All heavy atoms as atom14 arrays in JSON, in Angstrom:
{
  "sequence": "GLLSTMPVMGQTTGFDMLDLGANADNKAEHLVQYAILGSFYANNV",
  "atom14_mask": [
    [1, 1, 1, 1, 0, 0, 0, 0, 0, 0, 0, 0, 0, 0],
    [1, 1, 1, 1, 1, 1, 1, 1, 0, 0, 0, 0, 0, 0],
    [1, 1, 1, 1, 1, 1, 1, 1, 0, 0, 0, 0, 0, 0],
    [1, 1, 1, 1, 1, 1, 0, 0, 0, 0, 0, 0, 0, 0],
    [1, 1, 1, 1, 1, 1, 1, 0, 0, 0, 0, 0, 0, 0],
    [1, 1, 1, 1, 1, 1, 1, 1, 0, 0, 0, 0, 0, 0],
    [1, 1, 1, 1, 1, 1, 1, 0, 0, 0, 0, 0, 0, 0],
    [1, 1, 1, 1, 1, 1, 1, 0, 0, 0, 0, 0, 0, 0],
    [1, 1, 1, 1, 1, 1, 1, 1, 0, 0, 0, 0, 0, 0],
    [1, 1, 1, 1, 0, 0, 0, 0, 0, 0, 0, 0, 0, 0],
    [1, 1, 1, 1, 1, 1, 1, 1, 1, 0, 0, 0, 0, 0],
    [1, 1, 1, 1, 1, 1, 1, 0, 0, 0, 0, 0, 0, 0],
    [1, 1, 1, 1, 1, 1, 1, 0, 0, 0, 0, 0, 0, 0],
    [1, 1, 1, 1, 0, 0, 0, 0, 0, 0, 0, 0, 0, 0],
    [1, 1, 1, 1, 1, 1, 1, 1, 1, 1, 1, 0, 0, 0],
    [1, 1, 1, 1, 1, 1, 1, 1, 0, 0, 0, 0, 0, 0],
    [1, 1, 1, 1, 1, 1, 1, 1, 0, 0, 0, 0, 0, 0],
    [1, 1, 1, 1, 1, 1, 1, 1, 0, 0, 0, 0, 0, 0],
    [1, 1, 1, 1, 1, 1, 1, 1, 0, 0, 0, 0, 0, 0],
    [1, 1, 1, 1, 1, 1, 1, 1, 0, 0, 0, 0, 0, 0],
    [1, 1, 1, 1, 0, 0, 0, 0, 0, 0, 0, 0, 0, 0],
    [1, 1, 1, 1, 1, 0, 0, 0, 0, 0, 0, 0, 0, 0],
    [1, 1, 1, 1, 1, 1, 1, 1, 0, 0, 0, 0, 0, 0],
    [1, 1, 1, 1, 1, 0, 0, 0, 0, 0, 0, 0, 0, 0],
    [1, 1, 1, 1, 1, 1, 1, 1, 0, 0, 0, 0, 0, 0],
    [1, 1, 1, 1, 1, 1, 1, 1, 0, 0, 0, 0, 0, 0],
    [1, 1, 1, 1, 1, 1, 1, 1, 1, 0, 0, 0, 0, 0],
    [1, 1, 1, 1, 1, 0, 0, 0, 0, 0, 0, 0, 0, 0],
    [1, 1, 1, 1, 1, 1, 1, 1, 1, 0, 0, 0, 0, 0],
    [1, 1, 1, 1, 1, 1, 1, 1, 1, 1, 0, 0, 0, 0],
    [1, 1, 1, 1, 1, 1, 1, 1, 0, 0, 0, 0, 0, 0],
    [1, 1, 1, 1, 1, 1, 1, 0, 0, 0, 0, 0, 0, 0],
    [1, 1, 1, 1, 1, 1, 1, 1, 1, 0, 0, 0, 0, 0],
    [1, 1, 1, 1, 1, 1, 1, 1, 1, 1, 1, 1, 0, 0],
    [1, 1, 1, 1, 1, 0, 0, 0, 0, 0, 0, 0, 0, 0],
    [1, 1, 1, 1, 1, 1, 1, 1, 0, 0, 0, 0, 0, 0],
    [1, 1, 1, 1, 1, 1, 1, 1, 0, 0, 0, 0, 0, 0],
    [1, 1, 1, 1, 0, 0, 0, 0, 0, 0, 0, 0, 0, 0],
    [1, 1, 1, 1, 1, 1, 0, 0, 0, 0, 0, 0, 0, 0],
    [1, 1, 1, 1, 1, 1, 1, 1, 1, 1, 1, 0, 0, 0],
    [1, 1, 1, 1, 1, 1, 1, 1, 1, 1, 1, 1, 0, 0],
    [1, 1, 1, 1, 1, 0, 0, 0, 0, 0, 0, 0, 0, 0],
    [1, 1, 1, 1, 1, 1, 1, 1, 0, 0, 0, 0, 0, 0],
    [1, 1, 1, 1, 1, 1, 1, 1, 0, 0, 0, 0, 0, 0],
    [1, 1, 1, 1, 1, 1, 1, 0, 0, 0, 0, 0, 0, 0]
  ],
  "atom14_positions": [
    [[-91.74, -17.73, -130.61], [-92.93, -18.58, -130.66], [-94.09, -17.98, -129.78], [-93.8, -17.38, -128.75], [0.0, 0.0, 0.0], [0.0, 0.0, 0.0], [0.0, 0.0, 0.0], [0.0, 0.0, 0.0], [0.0, 0.0, 0.0], [0.0, 0.0, 0.0], [0.0, 0.0, 0.0], [0.0, 0.0, 0.0], [0.0, 0.0, 0.0], [0.0, 0.0, 0.0]],
    [[-95.3, -18.29, -130.12], [-96.44, -17.88, -129.36], [-96.74, -18.95, -128.37], [-97.03, -20.09, -128.69], [-97.64, -17.61, -130.23], [-98.85, -16.92, -129.59], [-98.49, -15.54, -129.11], [-100.03, -16.84, -130.59], [0.0, 0.0, 0.0], [0.0, 0.0, 0.0], [0.0, 0.0, 0.0], [0.0, 0.0, 0.0], [0.0, 0.0, 0.0], [0.0, 0.0, 0.0]],
    [[-96.57, -18.67, -127.08], [-96.65, -19.63, -126.02], [-97.85, -19.33, -125.07], [-98.07, -18.2, -124.78], [-95.31, -19.57, -125.19], [-95.2, -20.46, -123.9], [-93.69, -20.8, -123.63], [-95.76, -19.81, -122.66], [0.0, 0.0, 0.0], [0.0, 0.0, 0.0], [0.0, 0.0, 0.0], [0.0, 0.0, 0.0], [0.0, 0.0, 0.0], [0.0, 0.0, 0.0]],
    [[-98.54, -20.39, -124.7], [-99.65, -20.21, -123.77], [-99.58, -21.43, -122.81], [-99.2, -22.54, -123.14], [-101.0, -20.21, -124.55], [-102.02, -19.93, -123.63], [0.0, 0.0, 0.0], [0.0, 0.0, 0.0], [0.0, 0.0, 0.0], [0.0, 0.0, 0.0], [0.0, 0.0, 0.0], [0.0, 0.0, 0.0], [0.0, 0.0, 0.0], [0.0, 0.0, 0.0]],
    [[-100.08, -21.19, -121.55], [-100.18, -22.23, -120.58], [-101.58, -22.76, -120.63], [-102.58, -22.01, -120.49], [-99.84, -21.69, -119.14], [-98.56, -21.13, -119.15], [-99.85, -22.82, -118.12], [0.0, 0.0, 0.0], [0.0, 0.0, 0.0], [0.0, 0.0, 0.0], [0.0, 0.0, 0.0], [0.0, 0.0, 0.0], [0.0, 0.0, 0.0], [0.0, 0.0, 0.0]],
    [[-101.72, -24.09, -120.79], [-102.93, -24.76, -120.94], [-103.28, -25.62, -119.72], [-102.4, -26.03, -118.98], [-102.95, -25.66, -122.22], [-102.48, -24.87, -123.44], [-103.66, -23.64, -123.94], [-105.02, -24.67, -124.48], [0.0, 0.0, 0.0], [0.0, 0.0, 0.0], [0.0, 0.0, 0.0], [0.0, 0.0, 0.0], [0.0, 0.0, 0.0], [0.0, 0.0, 0.0]],
    [[-104.54, -25.93, -119.49], [-104.92, -26.69, -118.28], [-104.59, -28.2, -118.36], [-104.5, -28.78, -119.46], [-106.42, -26.51, -118.19], [-106.88, -26.32, -119.61], [-105.77, -25.51, -120.26], [0.0, 0.0, 0.0], [0.0, 0.0, 0.0], [0.0, 0.0, 0.0], [0.0, 0.0, 0.0], [0.0, 0.0, 0.0], [0.0, 0.0, 0.0], [0.0, 0.0, 0.0]],
    [[-104.32, -28.75, -117.2], [-104.11, -30.24, -117.06], [-105.21, -30.65, -116.07], [-105.35, -30.09, -114.97], [-102.76, -30.56, -116.54], [-102.63, -32.02, -116.1], [-101.69, -30.23, -117.56], [0.0, 0.0, 0.0], [0.0, 0.0, 0.0], [0.0, 0.0, 0.0], [0.0, 0.0, 0.0], [0.0, 0.0, 0.0], [0.0, 0.0, 0.0], [0.0, 0.0, 0.0]],
    [[-105.94, -31.64, -116.43], [-107.09, -32.14, -115.57], [-106.54, -32.64, -114.25], [-105.67, -33.46, -114.17], [-107.85, -33.24, -116.32], [-108.49, -32.85, -117.6], [-109.77, -31.53, -117.47], [-108.82, -30.02, -117.95], [0.0, 0.0, 0.0], [0.0, 0.0, 0.0], [0.0, 0.0, 0.0], [0.0, 0.0, 0.0], [0.0, 0.0, 0.0], [0.0, 0.0, 0.0]],
    [[-107.15, -32.14, -113.17], [-106.82, -32.57, -111.79], [-105.57, -31.96, -111.3], [-105.12, -32.3, -110.17], [0.0, 0.0, 0.0], [0.0, 0.0, 0.0], [0.0, 0.0, 0.0], [0.0, 0.0, 0.0], [0.0, 0.0, 0.0], [0.0, 0.0, 0.0], [0.0, 0.0, 0.0], [0.0, 0.0, 0.0], [0.0, 0.0, 0.0], [0.0, 0.0, 0.0]],
    [[-104.91, -31.03, -112.03], [-103.67, -30.39, -111.54], [-103.84, -28.88, -111.69], [-104.69, -28.38, -112.41], [-102.46, -30.83, -112.36], [-102.18, -32.31, -112.31], [-100.98, -32.72, -113.1], [-100.09, -31.95, -113.33], [-100.91, -33.97, -113.49], [0.0, 0.0, 0.0], [0.0, 0.0, 0.0], [0.0, 0.0, 0.0], [0.0, 0.0, 0.0], [0.0, 0.0, 0.0]],
    [[-102.99, -28.17, -110.95], [-102.99, -26.7, -110.97], [-101.92, -26.08, -111.79], [-101.86, -24.89, -111.99], [-103.0, -26.15, -109.56], [-101.77, -26.54, -108.88], [-104.21, -26.57, -108.72], [0.0, 0.0, 0.0], [0.0, 0.0, 0.0], [0.0, 0.0, 0.0], [0.0, 0.0, 0.0], [0.0, 0.0, 0.0], [0.0, 0.0, 0.0], [0.0, 0.0, 0.0]],
    [[-100.97, -26.96, -112.22], [-99.78, -26.43, -112.84], [-99.97, -26.14, -114.37], [-99.45, -25.2, -114.85], [-98.59, -27.4, -112.69], [-99.06, -28.69, -113.17], [-98.16, -27.5, -111.26], [0.0, 0.0, 0.0], [0.0, 0.0, 0.0], [0.0, 0.0, 0.0], [0.0, 0.0, 0.0], [0.0, 0.0, 0.0], [0.0, 0.0, 0.0], [0.0, 0.0, 0.0]],
    [[-100.71, -26.99, -115.06], [-100.9, -26.83, -116.55], [-99.62, -27.17, -117.26], [-98.62, -27.69, -116.73], [0.0, 0.0, 0.0], [0.0, 0.0, 0.0], [0.0, 0.0, 0.0], [0.0, 0.0, 0.0], [0.0, 0.0, 0.0], [0.0, 0.0, 0.0], [0.0, 0.0, 0.0], [0.0, 0.0, 0.0], [0.0, 0.0, 0.0], [0.0, 0.0, 0.0]],
    [[-99.65, -26.92, -118.56], [-98.5, -27.18, -119.44], [-98.36, -26.07, -120.43], [-99.36, -25.42, -120.79], [-98.59, -28.54, -120.17], [-99.66, -28.54, -121.23], [-99.29, -28.31, -122.57], [-100.98, -28.86, -120.95], [-100.25, -28.38, -123.61], [-101.87, -28.92, -121.91], [-101.55, -28.65, -123.31], [0.0, 0.0, 0.0], [0.0, 0.0, 0.0], [0.0, 0.0, 0.0]],
    [[-97.14, -25.77, -120.88], [-96.82, -24.69, -121.78], [-96.76, -25.34, -123.2], [-96.14, -26.39, -123.38], [-95.5, -23.98, -121.49], [-95.56, -23.32, -120.15], [-96.57, -22.62, -119.88], [-94.62, -23.42, -119.39], [0.0, 0.0, 0.0], [0.0, 0.0, 0.0], [0.0, 0.0, 0.0], [0.0, 0.0, 0.0], [0.0, 0.0, 0.0], [0.0, 0.0, 0.0]],
    [[-97.35, -24.63, -124.14], [-97.36, -25.12, -125.52], [-96.91, -24.06, -126.45], [-97.42, -22.9, -126.36], [-98.74, -25.7, -125.92], [-98.81, -26.35, -127.29], [-100.35, -27.2, -127.46], [-100.22, -27.77, -129.13], [0.0, 0.0, 0.0], [0.0, 0.0, 0.0], [0.0, 0.0, 0.0], [0.0, 0.0, 0.0], [0.0, 0.0, 0.0], [0.0, 0.0, 0.0]],
    [[-96.16, -24.34, -127.47], [-95.71, -23.4, -128.52], [-95.18, -24.18, -129.67], [-94.73, -25.37, -129.51], [-94.67, -22.39, -127.97], [-93.28, -22.79, -127.78], [-92.39, -21.59, -127.53], [-93.07, -23.75, -126.57], [0.0, 0.0, 0.0], [0.0, 0.0, 0.0], [0.0, 0.0, 0.0], [0.0, 0.0, 0.0], [0.0, 0.0, 0.0], [0.0, 0.0, 0.0]],
    [[-95.38, -23.69, -130.88], [-95.86, -22.4, -131.27], [-97.36, -22.51, -131.51], [-97.8, -23.5, -132.07], [-95.08, -21.99, -132.54], [-95.58, -20.69, -133.09], [-96.09, -19.82, -132.34], [-95.46, -20.43, -134.32], [0.0, 0.0, 0.0], [0.0, 0.0, 0.0], [0.0, 0.0, 0.0], [0.0, 0.0, 0.0], [0.0, 0.0, 0.0], [0.0, 0.0, 0.0]],
    [[-98.11, -21.52, -131.14], [-99.59, -21.48, -131.26], [-100.05, -20.68, -132.42], [-101.27, -20.32, -132.48], [-100.19, -21.11, -129.96], [-99.96, -22.02, -128.71], [-100.59, -21.46, -127.53], [-100.47, -23.47, -129.06], [0.0, 0.0, 0.0], [0.0, 0.0, 0.0], [0.0, 0.0, 0.0], [0.0, 0.0, 0.0], [0.0, 0.0, 0.0], [0.0, 0.0, 0.0]],
    [[-99.17, -20.33, -133.35], [-99.68, -19.66, -134.54], [-98.83, -18.44, -134.95], [-99.2, -17.79, -135.93], [0.0, 0.0, 0.0], [0.0, 0.0, 0.0], [0.0, 0.0, 0.0], [0.0, 0.0, 0.0], [0.0, 0.0, 0.0], [0.0, 0.0, 0.0], [0.0, 0.0, 0.0], [0.0, 0.0, 0.0], [0.0, 0.0, 0.0], [0.0, 0.0, 0.0]],
    [[-97.72, -18.18, -134.28], [-96.91, -17.09, -134.76], [-96.23, -17.37, -136.09], [-96.0, -16.48, -136.91], [-95.8, -16.79, -133.7], [0.0, 0.0, 0.0], [0.0, 0.0, 0.0], [0.0, 0.0, 0.0], [0.0, 0.0, 0.0], [0.0, 0.0, 0.0], [0.0, 0.0, 0.0], [0.0, 0.0, 0.0], [0.0, 0.0, 0.0], [0.0, 0.0, 0.0]],
    [[-95.94, -18.69, -136.33], [-95.37, -19.1, -137.59], [-96.04, -20.32, -138.12], [-96.03, -21.36, -137.49], [-93.85, -19.44, -137.34], [-93.12, -18.4, -136.57], [-92.66, -17.35, -137.16], [-92.99, -18.55, -135.28], [0.0, 0.0, 0.0], [0.0, 0.0, 0.0], [0.0, 0.0, 0.0], [0.0, 0.0, 0.0], [0.0, 0.0, 0.0], [0.0, 0.0, 0.0]],
    [[-96.59, -20.2, -139.27], [-97.36, -21.32, -139.84], [-96.45, -22.42, -140.34], [-96.77, -23.61, -140.3], [-98.24, -20.84, -141.0], [0.0, 0.0, 0.0], [0.0, 0.0, 0.0], [0.0, 0.0, 0.0], [0.0, 0.0, 0.0], [0.0, 0.0, 0.0], [0.0, 0.0, 0.0], [0.0, 0.0, 0.0], [0.0, 0.0, 0.0], [0.0, 0.0, 0.0]],
    [[-95.29, -22.03, -140.88], [-94.33, -23.03, -141.44], [-93.06, -22.97, -140.64], [-92.55, -21.84, -140.36], [-94.04, -22.72, -142.9], [-95.3, -22.81, -143.8], [-95.93, -23.87, -143.73], [-95.61, -21.84, -144.46], [0.0, 0.0, 0.0], [0.0, 0.0, 0.0], [0.0, 0.0, 0.0], [0.0, 0.0, 0.0], [0.0, 0.0, 0.0], [0.0, 0.0, 0.0]],
    [[-92.53, -24.14, -140.27], [-91.35, -24.19, -139.47], [-90.34, -25.23, -139.94], [-90.74, -26.17, -140.58], [-91.67, -24.52, -137.98], [-92.42, -23.43, -137.33], [-93.6, -23.52, -137.05], [-91.79, -22.35, -137.02], [0.0, 0.0, 0.0], [0.0, 0.0, 0.0], [0.0, 0.0, 0.0], [0.0, 0.0, 0.0], [0.0, 0.0, 0.0], [0.0, 0.0, 0.0]],
    [[-89.11, -25.05, -139.63], [-88.04, -26.03, -139.83], [-87.81, -26.76, -138.51], [-88.24, -26.24, -137.45], [-86.76, -25.33, -140.24], [-86.89, -24.57, -141.59], [-85.52, -23.92, -141.88], [-85.59, -23.08, -143.18], [-84.32, -22.35, -143.44], [0.0, 0.0, 0.0], [0.0, 0.0, 0.0], [0.0, 0.0, 0.0], [0.0, 0.0, 0.0], [0.0, 0.0, 0.0]],
    [[-87.15, -27.84, -138.53], [-86.86, -28.62, -137.34], [-86.02, -27.75, -136.29], [-86.26, -27.82, -135.06], [-86.08, -29.91, -137.67], [0.0, 0.0, 0.0], [0.0, 0.0, 0.0], [0.0, 0.0, 0.0], [0.0, 0.0, 0.0], [0.0, 0.0, 0.0], [0.0, 0.0, 0.0], [0.0, 0.0, 0.0], [0.0, 0.0, 0.0], [0.0, 0.0, 0.0]],
    [[-85.14, -26.95, -136.88], [-84.32, -26.07, -136.0], [-85.16, -25.07, -135.23], [-84.83, -24.7, -134.08], [-83.27, -25.37, -136.83], [-82.19, -26.22, -137.44], [-82.63, -27.05, -138.64], [-83.71, -26.81, -139.19], [-81.84, -27.94, -139.06], [0.0, 0.0, 0.0], [0.0, 0.0, 0.0], [0.0, 0.0, 0.0], [0.0, 0.0, 0.0], [0.0, 0.0, 0.0]],
    [[-86.27, -24.62, -135.85], [-87.17, -23.69, -135.15], [-87.8, -24.4, -133.98], [-87.94, -23.8, -132.87], [-88.27, -23.18, -136.07], [-87.72, -22.45, -137.24], [-88.39, -22.36, -138.45], [-86.6, -21.74, -137.43], [-87.67, -21.66, -139.32], [-86.57, -21.25, -138.73], [0.0, 0.0, 0.0], [0.0, 0.0, 0.0], [0.0, 0.0, 0.0], [0.0, 0.0, 0.0]],
    [[-88.24, -25.67, -134.18], [-88.93, -26.36, -133.11], [-87.95, -26.66, -131.93], [-88.38, -26.68, -130.8], [-89.54, -27.67, -133.63], [-91.0, -27.54, -134.13], [-91.11, -26.63, -135.29], [-91.53, -28.94, -134.46], [0.0, 0.0, 0.0], [0.0, 0.0, 0.0], [0.0, 0.0, 0.0], [0.0, 0.0, 0.0], [0.0, 0.0, 0.0], [0.0, 0.0, 0.0]],
    [[-86.74, -26.88, -132.26], [-85.71, -27.04, -131.19], [-85.61, -25.73, -130.34], [-85.51, -25.81, -129.14], [-84.33, -27.44, -131.76], [-83.24, -27.43, -130.68], [-84.39, -28.75, -132.44], [0.0, 0.0, 0.0], [0.0, 0.0, 0.0], [0.0, 0.0, 0.0], [0.0, 0.0, 0.0], [0.0, 0.0, 0.0], [0.0, 0.0, 0.0], [0.0, 0.0, 0.0]],
    [[-85.62, -24.64, -131.03], [-85.55, -23.35, -130.27], [-86.81, -23.23, -129.46], [-86.78, -22.69, -128.34], [-85.43, -22.15, -131.25], [-84.0, -21.95, -131.67], [-83.77, -20.45, -132.16], [-84.7, -19.74, -132.48], [-82.52, -20.06, -132.2], [0.0, 0.0, 0.0], [0.0, 0.0, 0.0], [0.0, 0.0, 0.0], [0.0, 0.0, 0.0], [0.0, 0.0, 0.0]],
    [[-87.96, -23.62, -129.96], [-89.23, -23.49, -129.17], [-89.06, -24.35, -127.91], [-89.56, -23.97, -126.81], [-90.4, -24.06, -129.99], [-90.76, -23.18, -131.19], [-91.49, -23.77, -132.22], [-90.44, -21.88, -131.24], [-91.84, -23.03, -133.38], [-90.75, -21.11, -132.34], [-91.49, -21.73, -133.47], [-91.82, -20.99, -134.52], [0.0, 0.0, 0.0], [0.0, 0.0, 0.0]],
    [[-88.47, -25.52, -128.04], [-88.27, -26.43, -126.87], [-87.42, -25.69, -125.85], [-87.7, -25.78, -124.66], [-87.61, -27.72, -127.32], [0.0, 0.0, 0.0], [0.0, 0.0, 0.0], [0.0, 0.0, 0.0], [0.0, 0.0, 0.0], [0.0, 0.0, 0.0], [0.0, 0.0, 0.0], [0.0, 0.0, 0.0], [0.0, 0.0, 0.0], [0.0, 0.0, 0.0]],
    [[-86.33, -25.01, -126.27], [-85.47, -24.33, -125.34], [-86.26, -23.18, -124.7], [-86.18, -22.96, -123.48], [-84.24, -23.82, -126.06], [-83.39, -25.01, -126.56], [-83.41, -22.9, -125.18], [-82.28, -24.65, -127.48], [0.0, 0.0, 0.0], [0.0, 0.0, 0.0], [0.0, 0.0, 0.0], [0.0, 0.0, 0.0], [0.0, 0.0, 0.0], [0.0, 0.0, 0.0]],
    [[-87.01, -22.44, -125.52], [-87.79, -21.28, -125.05], [-88.85, -21.69, -124.01], [-88.95, -21.12, -122.98], [-88.49, -20.51, -126.22], [-87.55, -19.76, -127.17], [-88.35, -19.3, -128.38], [-86.87, -18.62, -126.48], [0.0, 0.0, 0.0], [0.0, 0.0, 0.0], [0.0, 0.0, 0.0], [0.0, 0.0, 0.0], [0.0, 0.0, 0.0], [0.0, 0.0, 0.0]],
    [[-89.59, -22.76, -124.4], [-90.66, -23.27, -123.52], [-90.12, -23.76, -122.23], [-90.69, -23.52, -121.14], [0.0, 0.0, 0.0], [0.0, 0.0, 0.0], [0.0, 0.0, 0.0], [0.0, 0.0, 0.0], [0.0, 0.0, 0.0], [0.0, 0.0, 0.0], [0.0, 0.0, 0.0], [0.0, 0.0, 0.0], [0.0, 0.0, 0.0], [0.0, 0.0, 0.0]],
    [[-88.97, -24.49, -122.27], [-88.4, -25.05, -121.06], [-87.87, -23.89, -120.16], [-88.05, -23.92, -118.98], [-87.22, -25.92, -121.47], [-86.67, -26.59, -120.38], [0.0, 0.0, 0.0], [0.0, 0.0, 0.0], [0.0, 0.0, 0.0], [0.0, 0.0, 0.0], [0.0, 0.0, 0.0], [0.0, 0.0, 0.0], [0.0, 0.0, 0.0], [0.0, 0.0, 0.0]],
    [[-87.35, -22.88, -120.78], [-86.77, -21.72, -120.08], [-87.99, -20.99, -119.35], [-87.87, -20.59, -118.24], [-86.11, -20.78, -121.08], [-85.15, -19.83, -120.42], [-83.83, -20.18, -120.25], [-85.56, -18.53, -120.01], [-82.94, -19.29, -119.61], [-84.63, -17.67, -119.47], [-83.38, -18.07, -119.25], [0.0, 0.0, 0.0], [0.0, 0.0, 0.0], [0.0, 0.0, 0.0]],
    [[-89.11, -20.79, -120.06], [-90.27, -20.13, -119.47], [-90.82, -20.96, -118.36], [-91.09, -20.44, -117.23], [-91.34, -19.91, -120.55], [-92.52, -19.19, -120.09], [-92.66, -17.78, -120.22], [-93.63, -19.87, -119.51], [-93.77, -17.12, -119.79], [-94.77, -19.23, -119.09], [-94.79, -17.85, -119.2], [-95.93, -17.13, -118.74], [0.0, 0.0, 0.0], [0.0, 0.0, 0.0]],
    [[-90.99, -22.25, -118.53], [-91.56, -23.15, -117.5], [-90.7, -23.16, -116.27], [-91.25, -23.11, -115.13], [-91.71, -24.54, -118.06], [0.0, 0.0, 0.0], [0.0, 0.0, 0.0], [0.0, 0.0, 0.0], [0.0, 0.0, 0.0], [0.0, 0.0, 0.0], [0.0, 0.0, 0.0], [0.0, 0.0, 0.0], [0.0, 0.0, 0.0], [0.0, 0.0, 0.0]],
    [[-89.42, -23.13, -116.44], [-88.53, -23.16, -115.3], [-88.46, -21.79, -114.54], [-88.55, -21.77, -113.32], [-87.09, -23.52, -115.77], [-86.07, -23.47, -114.66], [-85.1, -22.75, -114.71], [-86.26, -24.25, -113.61], [0.0, 0.0, 0.0], [0.0, 0.0, 0.0], [0.0, 0.0, 0.0], [0.0, 0.0, 0.0], [0.0, 0.0, 0.0], [0.0, 0.0, 0.0]],
    [[-88.33, -20.72, -115.28], [-88.11, -19.42, -114.68], [-89.42, -18.71, -114.22], [-89.44, -18.09, -113.19], [-87.34, -18.45, -115.67], [-85.92, -18.85, -115.78], [-85.08, -18.38, -115.01], [-85.55, -19.69, -116.76], [0.0, 0.0, 0.0], [0.0, 0.0, 0.0], [0.0, 0.0, 0.0], [0.0, 0.0, 0.0], [0.0, 0.0, 0.0], [0.0, 0.0, 0.0]],
    [[-90.46, -18.82, -115.0], [-91.75, -18.15, -114.69], [-92.63, -19.01, -113.83], [-93.22, -18.53, -112.87], [-92.44, -17.67, -115.99], [-93.81, -16.98, -115.58], [-91.55, -16.73, -116.73], [0.0, 0.0, 0.0], [0.0, 0.0, 0.0], [0.0, 0.0, 0.0], [0.0, 0.0, 0.0], [0.0, 0.0, 0.0], [0.0, 0.0, 0.0], [0.0, 0.0, 0.0]]
  ]
}
């Protein structure tokens, strides 16, 4: 998934969002993987 960190008003941390356009059509299973990927990135990076 294409992941980007976006701003949160009044905070410096922001939030990670995906998919931002790598795949136009998705199955529910893909979105579950995005959740795991995004959580992994937010935690480790």
